[in-house]
Amino acid sequence: MKKCQVVRKSGRRSCTSSSTAITSVRYGECQKNHAANIGGYAVDGCREFMASDVEGTTGALTCAACGCHRNFHRREVETEVLCE
């Protein structure tokens, strides 16, 4: 299975002066294959990453719902360009 990164861009305005880009990252459903070691394919159904602990700790990279690392969750990047 090929992994893809979802990028949503809102506000397709052309700026004539300086602009500021605001990027927010959200982690969606878990894509870890729990049956890979036996040659199968099975995901756990976790729909969204929720950090186990506060930002800056190792627990912030572990999902509270499924126990997987944040890298197994689909990354969604939303970029908004603000014209000044």
PDB file of N, CA and C in Angstrom:
ATOM      1  N   MET A   1       0.843  -1.169   0.000  1.00  0.00           N
ATOM      2  CA  MET A   1       0.000   0.000   0.000  1.00  0.00           C
ATOM      3  C   MET A   1       0.891   1.235   0.000  1.00  0.00           C
ATOM      4  N   LYS A   2       0.545   2.173  -0.825  1.00  0.00           N
ATOM      5  CA  LYS A   2       1.305   3.403  -0.963  1.00  0.00           C
ATOM      6  C   LYS A   2       0.782   4.444   0.019  1.00  0.00           C
ATOM      7  N   LYS A   3       1.669   5.076   0.765  1.00  0.00           N
ATOM      8  CA  LYS A   3       1.260   6.121   1.707  1.00  0.00           C
ATOM      9  C   LYS A   3       1.191   7.454   0.969  1.00  0.00           C
ATOM     10  N   CYS A   4       0.224   8.258   1.329  1.00  0.00           N
ATOM     11  CA  CYS A   4       0.108   9.576   0.719  1.00  0.00           C
ATOM     12  C   CYS A   4      -0.082  10.620   1.814  1.00  0.00           C
ATOM     13  N   GLN A   5       0.301  11.826   1.500  1.00  0.00           N
ATOM     14  CA  GLN A   5       0.147  12.934   2.434  1.00  0.00           C
ATOM     15  C   GLN A   5      -0.943  13.838   1.891  1.00  0.00           C
ATOM     16  N   VAL A   6      -1.901  14.144   2.725  1.00  0.00           N
ATOM     17  CA  VAL A   6      -3.013  14.998   2.334  1.00  0.00           C
ATOM     18  C   VAL A   6      -2.661  16.438   2.661  1.00  0.00           C
ATOM     19  N   VAL A   7      -2.719  17.297   1.652  1.00  0.00           N
ATOM     20  CA  VAL A   7      -2.439  18.719   1.851  1.00  0.00           C
ATOM     21  C   VAL A   7      -3.648  19.491   1.369  1.00  0.00           C
ATOM     22  N   ARG A   8      -4.246  20.255   2.289  1.00  0.00           N
ATOM     23  CA  ARG A   8      -5.383  21.098   1.947  1.00  0.00           C
ATOM     24  C   ARG A   8      -4.942  22.541   1.992  1.00  0.00           C
ATOM     25  N   LYS A   9      -5.167  23.251   0.905  1.00  0.00           N
ATOM     26  CA  LYS A   9      -4.837  24.670   0.874  1.00  0.00           C
ATOM     27  C   LYS A   9      -6.127  25.454   0.756  1.00  0.00           C
ATOM     28  N   SER A  10      -6.307  26.390   1.678  1.00  0.00           N
ATOM     29  CA  SER A  10      -7.510  27.208   1.624  1.00  0.00           C
ATOM     30  C   SER A  10      -7.120  28.647   1.313  1.00  0.00           C
ATOM     31  N   GLY A  11      -7.951  29.329   0.607  1.00  0.00           N
ATOM     32  CA  GLY A  11      -7.699  30.719   0.258  1.00  0.00           C
ATOM     33  C   GLY A  11      -6.721  30.836  -0.899  1.00  0.00           C
ATOM     34  N   ARG A  12      -7.179  30.680  -2.095  1.00  0.00           N
ATOM     35  CA  ARG A  12      -6.306  30.748  -3.259  1.00  0.00           C
ATOM     36  C   ARG A  12      -6.265  32.180  -3.810  1.00  0.00           C
ATOM     37  N   ARG A  13      -6.011  33.108  -2.937  1.00  0.00           N
ATOM     38  CA  ARG A  13      -5.928  34.498  -3.350  1.00  0.00           C
ATOM     39  C   ARG A  13      -4.496  34.824  -3.729  1.00  0.00           C
ATOM     40  N   SER A  14      -4.324  35.704  -4.691  1.00  0.00           N
ATOM     41  CA  SER A  14      -2.975  36.151  -5.036  1.00  0.00           C
ATOM     42  C   SER A  14      -2.683  37.413  -4.234  1.00  0.00           C
ATOM     43  N   CYS A  15      -1.554  37.399  -3.592  1.00  0.00           N
ATOM     44  CA  CYS A  15      -1.175  38.523  -2.740  1.00  0.00           C
ATOM     45  C   CYS A  15      -0.208  39.427  -3.491  1.00  0.00           C
ATOM     46  N   THR A  16      -0.492  40.725  -3.448  1.00  0.00           N
ATOM     47  CA  THR A  16       0.403  41.668  -4.101  1.00  0.00           C
ATOM     48  C   THR A  16       1.470  42.166  -3.140  1.00  0.00           C
ATOM     49  N   SER A  17       1.193  42.122  -1.845  1.00  0.00           N
ATOM     50  CA  SER A  17       2.173  42.543  -0.846  1.00  0.00           C
ATOM     51  C   SER A  17       2.673  41.313  -0.091  1.00  0.00           C
ATOM     52  N   SER A  18       3.254  41.515   1.056  1.00  0.00           N
ATOM     53  CA  SER A  18       3.780  40.387   1.835  1.00  0.00           C
ATOM     54  C   SER A  18       2.648  39.509   2.351  1.00  0.00           C
ATOM     55  N   SER A  19       2.945  38.238   2.529  1.00  0.00           N
ATOM     56  CA  SER A  19       1.929  37.308   3.008  1.00  0.00           C
ATOM     57  C   SER A  19       2.516  36.421   4.096  1.00  0.00           C
ATOM     58  N   THR A  20       1.638  35.862   4.911  1.00  0.00           N
ATOM     59  CA  THR A  20       2.024  34.967   5.996  1.00  0.00           C
ATOM     60  C   THR A  20       1.299  33.641   5.804  1.00  0.00           C
ATOM     61  N   ALA A  21       2.034  32.540   5.931  1.00  0.00           N
ATOM     62  CA  ALA A  21       1.430  31.215   5.794  1.00  0.00           C
ATOM     63  C   ALA A  21       1.290  30.591   7.173  1.00  0.00           C
ATOM     64  N   ILE A  22       0.088  30.128   7.487  1.00  0.00           N
ATOM     65  CA  ILE A  22      -0.182  29.449   8.742  1.00  0.00           C
ATOM     66  C   ILE A  22      -0.408  27.978   8.414  1.00  0.00           C
ATOM     67  N   THR A  23       0.402  27.123   9.019  1.00  0.00           N
ATOM     68  CA  THR A  23       0.309  25.691   8.766  1.00  0.00           C
ATOM     69  C   THR A  23      -0.122  24.976  10.032  1.00  0.00           C
ATOM     70  N   SER A  24      -1.156  24.159   9.918  1.00  0.00           N
ATOM     71  CA  SER A  24      -1.586  23.352  11.060  1.00  0.00           C
ATOM     72  C   SER A  24      -1.549  21.877  10.629  1.00  0.00           C
ATOM     73  N   VAL A  25      -1.097  21.026  11.550  1.00  0.00           N
ATOM     74  CA  VAL A  25      -0.949  19.601  11.275  1.00  0.00           C
ATOM     75  C   VAL A  25      -1.898  18.821  12.170  1.00  0.00           C
ATOM     76  N   ARG A  26      -2.610  17.874  11.585  1.00  0.00           N
ATOM     77  CA  ARG A  26      -3.541  17.008  12.310  1.00  0.00           C
ATOM     78  C   ARG A  26      -3.226  15.584  11.897  1.00  0.00           C
ATOM     79  N   TYR A  27      -3.322  14.655  12.825  1.00  0.00           N
ATOM     80  CA  TYR A  27      -3.056  13.256  12.537  1.00  0.00           C
ATOM     81  C   TYR A  27      -4.368  12.492  12.563  1.00  0.00           C
ATOM     82  N   GLY A  28      -4.691  11.845  11.432  1.00  0.00           N
ATOM     83  CA  GLY A  28      -5.959  11.141  11.272  1.00  0.00           C
ATOM     84  C   GLY A  28      -5.880   9.687  11.705  1.00  0.00           C
ATOM     85  N   GLU A  29      -6.555   8.827  10.940  1.00  0.00           N
ATOM     86  CA  GLU A  29      -6.700   7.430  11.335  1.00  0.00           C
ATOM     87  C   GLU A  29      -5.375   6.667  11.323  1.00  0.00           C
ATOM     88  N   CYS A  30      -5.321   5.649  12.173  1.00  0.00           N
ATOM     89  CA  CYS A  30      -4.128   4.807  12.318  1.00  0.00           C
ATOM     90  C   CYS A  30      -4.048   3.861  11.126  1.00  0.00           C
ATOM     91  N   GLN A  31      -2.863   3.733  10.538  1.00  0.00           N
ATOM     92  CA  GLN A  31      -2.672   2.881   9.377  1.00  0.00           C
ATOM     93  C   GLN A  31      -1.717   1.728   9.669  1.00  0.00           C
ATOM     94  N   LYS A  32      -1.470   1.453  10.945  1.00  0.00           N
ATOM     95  CA  LYS A  32      -0.554   0.371  11.295  1.00  0.00           C
ATOM     96  C   LYS A  32      -1.194  -0.978  10.966  1.00  0.00           C
ATOM     97  N   ASN A  33      -0.426  -1.825  10.266  1.00  0.00           N
ATOM     98  CA  ASN A  33      -0.884  -3.156   9.904  1.00  0.00           C
ATOM     99  C   ASN A  33      -0.491  -4.114  11.026  1.00  0.00           C
ATOM    100  N   HIS A  34      -1.463  -4.507  11.833  1.00  0.00           N
ATOM    101  CA  HIS A  34      -1.186  -5.356  12.984  1.00  0.00           C
ATOM    102  C   HIS A  34      -0.984  -6.821  12.602  1.00  0.00           C
ATOM    103  N   ALA A  35      -1.318  -7.199  11.380  1.00  0.00           N
ATOM    104  CA  ALA A  35      -1.178  -8.592  10.943  1.00  0.00           C
ATOM    105  C   ALA A  35      -0.044  -8.774   9.932  1.00  0.00           C
ATOM    106  N   ALA A  36       0.856  -7.813   9.835  1.00  0.00           N
ATOM    107  CA  ALA A  36       1.932  -7.889   8.853  1.00  0.00           C
ATOM    108  C   ALA A  36       2.863  -9.067   9.110  1.00  0.00           C
ATOM    109  N   ASN A  37       3.079  -9.432  10.363  1.00  0.00           N
ATOM    110  CA  ASN A  37       4.010 -10.516  10.663  1.00  0.00           C
ATOM    111  C   ASN A  37       3.485 -11.886  10.244  1.00  0.00           C
ATOM    112  N   ILE A  38       2.189 -12.021   9.994  1.00  0.00           N
ATOM    113  CA  ILE A  38       1.642 -13.295   9.518  1.00  0.00           C
ATOM    114  C   ILE A  38       1.187 -13.197   8.062  1.00  0.00           C
ATOM    115  N   GLY A  39       1.527 -12.104   7.398  1.00  0.00           N
ATOM    116  CA  GLY A  39       1.222 -11.938   5.983  1.00  0.00           C
ATOM    117  C   GLY A  39      -0.166 -11.420   5.679  1.00  0.00           C
ATOM    118  N   GLY A  40      -0.859 -10.924   6.654  1.00  0.00           N
ATOM    119  CA  GLY A  40      -2.213 -10.410   6.445  1.00  0.00           C
ATOM    120  C   GLY A  40      -2.265  -8.897   6.503  1.00  0.00           C
ATOM    121  N   TYR A  41      -3.473  -8.390   6.542  1.00  0.00           N
ATOM    122  CA  TYR A  41      -3.679  -6.949   6.657  1.00  0.00           C
ATOM    123  C   TYR A  41      -4.846  -6.704   7.610  1.00  0.00           C
ATOM    124  N   ALA A  42      -4.575  -6.024   8.709  1.00  0.00           N
ATOM    125  CA  ALA A  42      -5.616  -5.706   9.689  1.00  0.00           C
ATOM    126  C   ALA A  42      -5.234  -4.426  10.415  1.00  0.00           C
ATOM    127  N   VAL A  43      -6.126  -3.449  10.396  1.00  0.00           N
ATOM    128  CA  VAL A  43      -5.917  -2.206  11.138  1.00  0.00           C
ATOM    129  C   VAL A  43      -6.839  -2.213  12.346  1.00  0.00           C
ATOM    130  N   ASP A  44      -6.515  -1.406  13.349  1.00  0.00           N
ATOM    131  CA  ASP A  44      -7.268  -1.452  14.605  1.00  0.00           C
ATOM    132  C   ASP A  44      -8.509  -0.568  14.630  1.00  0.00           C
ATOM    133  N   GLY A  45      -8.664   0.322  13.677  1.00  0.00           N
ATOM    134  CA  GLY A  45      -9.867   1.152  13.617  1.00  0.00           C
ATOM    135  C   GLY A  45      -9.766   2.463  14.358  1.00  0.00           C
ATOM    136  N   CYS A  46      -8.602   2.812  14.868  1.00  0.00           N
ATOM    137  CA  CYS A  46      -8.413   4.094  15.545  1.00  0.00           C
ATOM    138  C   CYS A  46      -8.620   5.209  14.525  1.00  0.00           C
ATOM    139  N   ARG A  47      -9.512   6.140  14.800  1.00  0.00           N
ATOM    140  CA  ARG A  47      -9.900   7.164  13.832  1.00  0.00           C
ATOM    141  C   ARG A  47      -9.100   8.461  13.912  1.00  0.00           C
ATOM    142  N   GLU A  48      -8.490   8.753  15.075  1.00  0.00           N
ATOM    143  CA  GLU A  48      -7.739  10.001  15.205  1.00  0.00           C
ATOM    144  C   GLU A  48      -6.706   9.869  16.310  1.00  0.00           C
ATOM    145  N   PHE A  49      -5.536  10.474  16.085  1.00  0.00           N
ATOM    146  CA  PHE A  49      -4.457  10.452  17.070  1.00  0.00           C
ATOM    147  C   PHE A  49      -4.805  11.351  18.245  1.00  0.00           C
ATOM    148  N   MET A  50      -4.671  10.802  19.454  1.00  0.00           N
ATOM    149  CA  MET A  50      -4.823  11.575  20.687  1.00  0.00           C
ATOM    150  C   MET A  50      -3.575  11.321  21.519  1.00  0.00           C
ATOM    151  N   ALA A  51      -2.839  12.352  21.841  1.00  0.00           N
ATOM    152  CA  ALA A  51      -1.594  12.204  22.589  1.00  0.00           C
ATOM    153  C   ALA A  51      -1.861  11.651  23.987  1.00  0.00           C
ATOM    154  N   SER A  52      -0.975  10.746  24.434  1.00  0.00           N
ATOM    155  CA  SER A  52      -1.114  10.146  25.762  1.00  0.00           C
ATOM    156  C   SER A  52      -0.680  11.080  26.875  1.00  0.00           C
ATOM    157  N   ASP A  53       0.218  12.007  26.559  1.00  0.00           N
ATOM    158  CA  ASP A  53       0.779  12.886  27.578  1.00  0.00           C
ATOM    159  C   ASP A  53       0.910  14.294  26.996  1.00  0.00           C
ATOM    160  N   VAL A  54       1.436  15.226  27.759  1.00  0.00           N
ATOM    161  CA  VAL A  54       1.573  16.616  27.333  1.00  0.00           C
ATOM    162  C   VAL A  54       2.697  16.762  26.310  1.00  0.00           C
ATOM    163  N   GLU A  55       2.653  17.835  25.547  1.00  0.00           N
ATOM    164  CA  GLU A  55       3.656  18.128  24.527  1.00  0.00           C
ATOM    165  C   GLU A  55       5.043  18.258  25.144  1.00  0.00           C
ATOM    166  N   GLY A  56       6.039  17.696  24.471  1.00  0.00           N
ATOM    167  CA  GLY A  56       7.410  17.776  24.958  1.00  0.00           C
ATOM    168  C   GLY A  56       7.872  16.526  25.688  1.00  0.00           C
ATOM    169  N   THR A  57       6.976  15.577  25.924  1.00  0.00           N
ATOM    170  CA  THR A  57       7.347  14.328  26.574  1.00  0.00           C
ATOM    171  C   THR A  57       7.271  13.189  25.549  1.00  0.00           C
ATOM    172  N   THR A  58       7.820  12.030  25.901  1.00  0.00           N
ATOM    173  CA  THR A  58       7.757  10.895  24.974  1.00  0.00           C
ATOM    174  C   THR A  58       6.335  10.367  24.835  1.00  0.00           C
ATOM    175  N   GLY A  59       5.506  10.577  25.832  1.00  0.00           N
ATOM    176  CA  GLY A  59       4.106  10.165  25.763  1.00  0.00           C
ATOM    177  C   GLY A  59       3.304  10.969  24.759  1.00  0.00           C
ATOM    178  N   ALA A  60       3.796  12.122  24.353  1.00  0.00           N
ATOM    179  CA  ALA A  60       3.102  12.951  23.371  1.00  0.00           C
ATOM    180  C   ALA A  60       3.145  12.318  21.987  1.00  0.00           C
ATOM    181  N   LEU A  61       4.027  11.355  21.776  1.00  0.00           N
ATOM    182  CA  LEU A  61       4.144  10.688  20.483  1.00  0.00           C
ATOM    183  C   LEU A  61       3.406   9.353  20.441  1.00  0.00           C
ATOM    184  N   THR A  62       2.764   8.967  21.544  1.00  0.00           N
ATOM    185  CA  THR A  62       2.021   7.713  21.624  1.00  0.00           C
ATOM    186  C   THR A  62       0.529   8.011  21.673  1.00  0.00           C
ATOM    187  N   CYS A  63      -0.246   7.288  20.872  1.00  0.00           N
ATOM    188  CA  CYS A  63      -1.696   7.495  20.819  1.00  0.00           C
ATOM    189  C   CYS A  63      -2.362   6.880  22.050  1.00  0.00           C
ATOM    190  N   ALA A  64      -3.218   7.640  22.687  1.00  0.00           N
ATOM    191  CA  ALA A  64      -3.929   7.154  23.872  1.00  0.00           C
ATOM    192  C   ALA A  64      -4.983   6.110  23.506  1.00  0.00           C
ATOM    193  N   ALA A  65      -5.507   6.165  22.296  1.00  0.00           N
ATOM    194  CA  ALA A  65      -6.566   5.245  21.888  1.00  0.00           C
ATOM    195  C   ALA A  65      -6.040   3.871  21.482  1.00  0.00           C
ATOM    196  N   CYS A  66      -4.970   3.840  20.670  1.00  0.00           N
ATOM    197  CA  CYS A  66      -4.514   2.554  20.141  1.00  0.00           C
ATOM    198  C   CYS A  66      -3.117   2.155  20.606  1.00  0.00           C
ATOM    199  N   GLY A  67      -2.357   3.071  21.193  1.00  0.00           N
ATOM    200  CA  GLY A  67      -1.024   2.757  21.694  1.00  0.00           C
ATOM    201  C   GLY A  67       0.069   2.802  20.640  1.00  0.00           C
ATOM    202  N   CYS A  68      -0.257   3.175  19.417  1.00  0.00           N
ATOM    203  CA  CYS A  68       0.719   3.244  18.330  1.00  0.00           C
ATOM    204  C   CYS A  68       1.468   4.574  18.360  1.00  0.00           C
ATOM    205  N   HIS A  69       2.639   4.600  17.698  1.00  0.00           N
ATOM    206  CA  HIS A  69       3.398   5.844  17.555  1.00  0.00           C
ATOM    207  C   HIS A  69       2.659   6.767  16.591  1.00  0.00           C
ATOM    208  N   ARG A  70       2.877   8.051  16.728  1.00  0.00           N
ATOM    209  CA  ARG A  70       2.210   9.060  15.898  1.00  0.00           C
ATOM    210  C   ARG A  70       2.495   8.866  14.408  1.00  0.00           C
ATOM    211  N   ASN A  71       3.658   8.299  14.051  1.00  0.00           N
ATOM    212  CA  ASN A  71       4.004   8.107  12.640  1.00  0.00           C
ATOM    213  C   ASN A  71       3.076   7.135  11.922  1.00  0.00           C
ATOM    214  N   PHE A  72       2.364   6.274  12.645  1.00  0.00           N
ATOM    215  CA  PHE A  72       1.444   5.344  12.009  1.00  0.00           C
ATOM    216  C   PHE A  72       0.124   6.006  11.629  1.00  0.00           C
ATOM    217  N   HIS A  73      -0.120   7.207  12.090  1.00  0.00           N
ATOM    218  CA  HIS A  73      -1.354   7.921  11.791  1.00  0.00           C
ATOM    219  C   HIS A  73      -1.169   8.805  10.570  1.00  0.00           C
ATOM    220  N   ARG A  74      -2.221   8.883   9.738  1.00  0.00           N
ATOM    221  CA  ARG A  74      -2.165   9.677   8.510  1.00  0.00           C
ATOM    222  C   ARG A  74      -2.021  11.159   8.866  1.00  0.00           C
ATOM    223  N   ARG A  75      -1.042  11.796   8.251  1.00  0.00           N
ATOM    224  CA  ARG A  75      -0.760  13.206   8.524  1.00  0.00           C
ATOM    225  C   ARG A  75      -1.541  14.084   7.550  1.00  0.00           C
ATOM    226  N   GLU A  76      -2.260  15.049   8.097  1.00  0.00           N
ATOM    227  CA  GLU A  76      -3.030  16.008   7.298  1.00  0.00           C
ATOM    228  C   GLU A  76      -2.490  17.406   7.583  1.00  0.00           C
ATOM    229  N   VAL A  77      -2.029  18.071   6.541  1.00  0.00           N
ATOM    230  CA  VAL A  77      -1.458  19.406   6.677  1.00  0.00           C
ATOM    231  C   VAL A  77      -2.407  20.399   6.041  1.00  0.00           C
ATOM    232  N   GLU A  78      -2.761  21.429   6.782  1.00  0.00           N
ATOM    233  CA  GLU A  78      -3.617  22.483   6.254  1.00  0.00           C
ATOM    234  C   GLU A  78      -2.836  23.789   6.270  1.00  0.00           C
ATOM    235  N   THR A  79      -2.722  24.399   5.115  1.00  0.00           N
ATOM    236  CA  THR A  79      -1.968  25.645   4.993  1.00  0.00           C
ATOM    237  C   THR A  79      -2.915  26.765   4.572  1.00  0.00           C
ATOM    238  N   GLU A  80      -2.850  27.859   5.283  1.00  0.00           N
ATOM    239  CA  GLU A  80      -3.673  29.024   4.968  1.00  0.00           C
ATOM    240  C   GLU A  80      -2.744  30.211   4.768  1.00  0.00           C
ATOM    241  N   VAL A  81      -2.908  30.882   3.640  1.00  0.00           N
ATOM    242  CA  VAL A  81      -2.077  32.044   3.326  1.00  0.00           C
ATOM    243  C   VAL A  81      -2.876  33.305   3.638  1.00  0.00           C
ATOM    244  N   LEU A  82      -2.303  34.145   4.486  1.00  0.00           N
ATOM    245  CA  LEU A  82      -2.945  35.404   4.869  1.00  0.00           C
ATOM    246  C   LEU A  82      -2.236  36.554   4.175  1.00  0.00           C
ATOM    247  N   CYS A  83      -2.958  37.331   3.429  1.00  0.00           N
ATOM    248  CA  CYS A  83      -2.392  38.495   2.756  1.00  0.00           C
ATOM    249  C   CYS A  83      -2.450  39.697   3.669  1.00  0.00           C
ATOM    250  N   GLU A  84      -1.384  40.406   3.692  1.00  0.00           N
ATOM    251  CA  GLU A  84      -1.318  41.605   4.560  1.00  0.00           C
ATOM    252  C   GLU A  84      -1.372  42.860   3.754  1.00  0.00           C
TER     253      GLU A  84
END
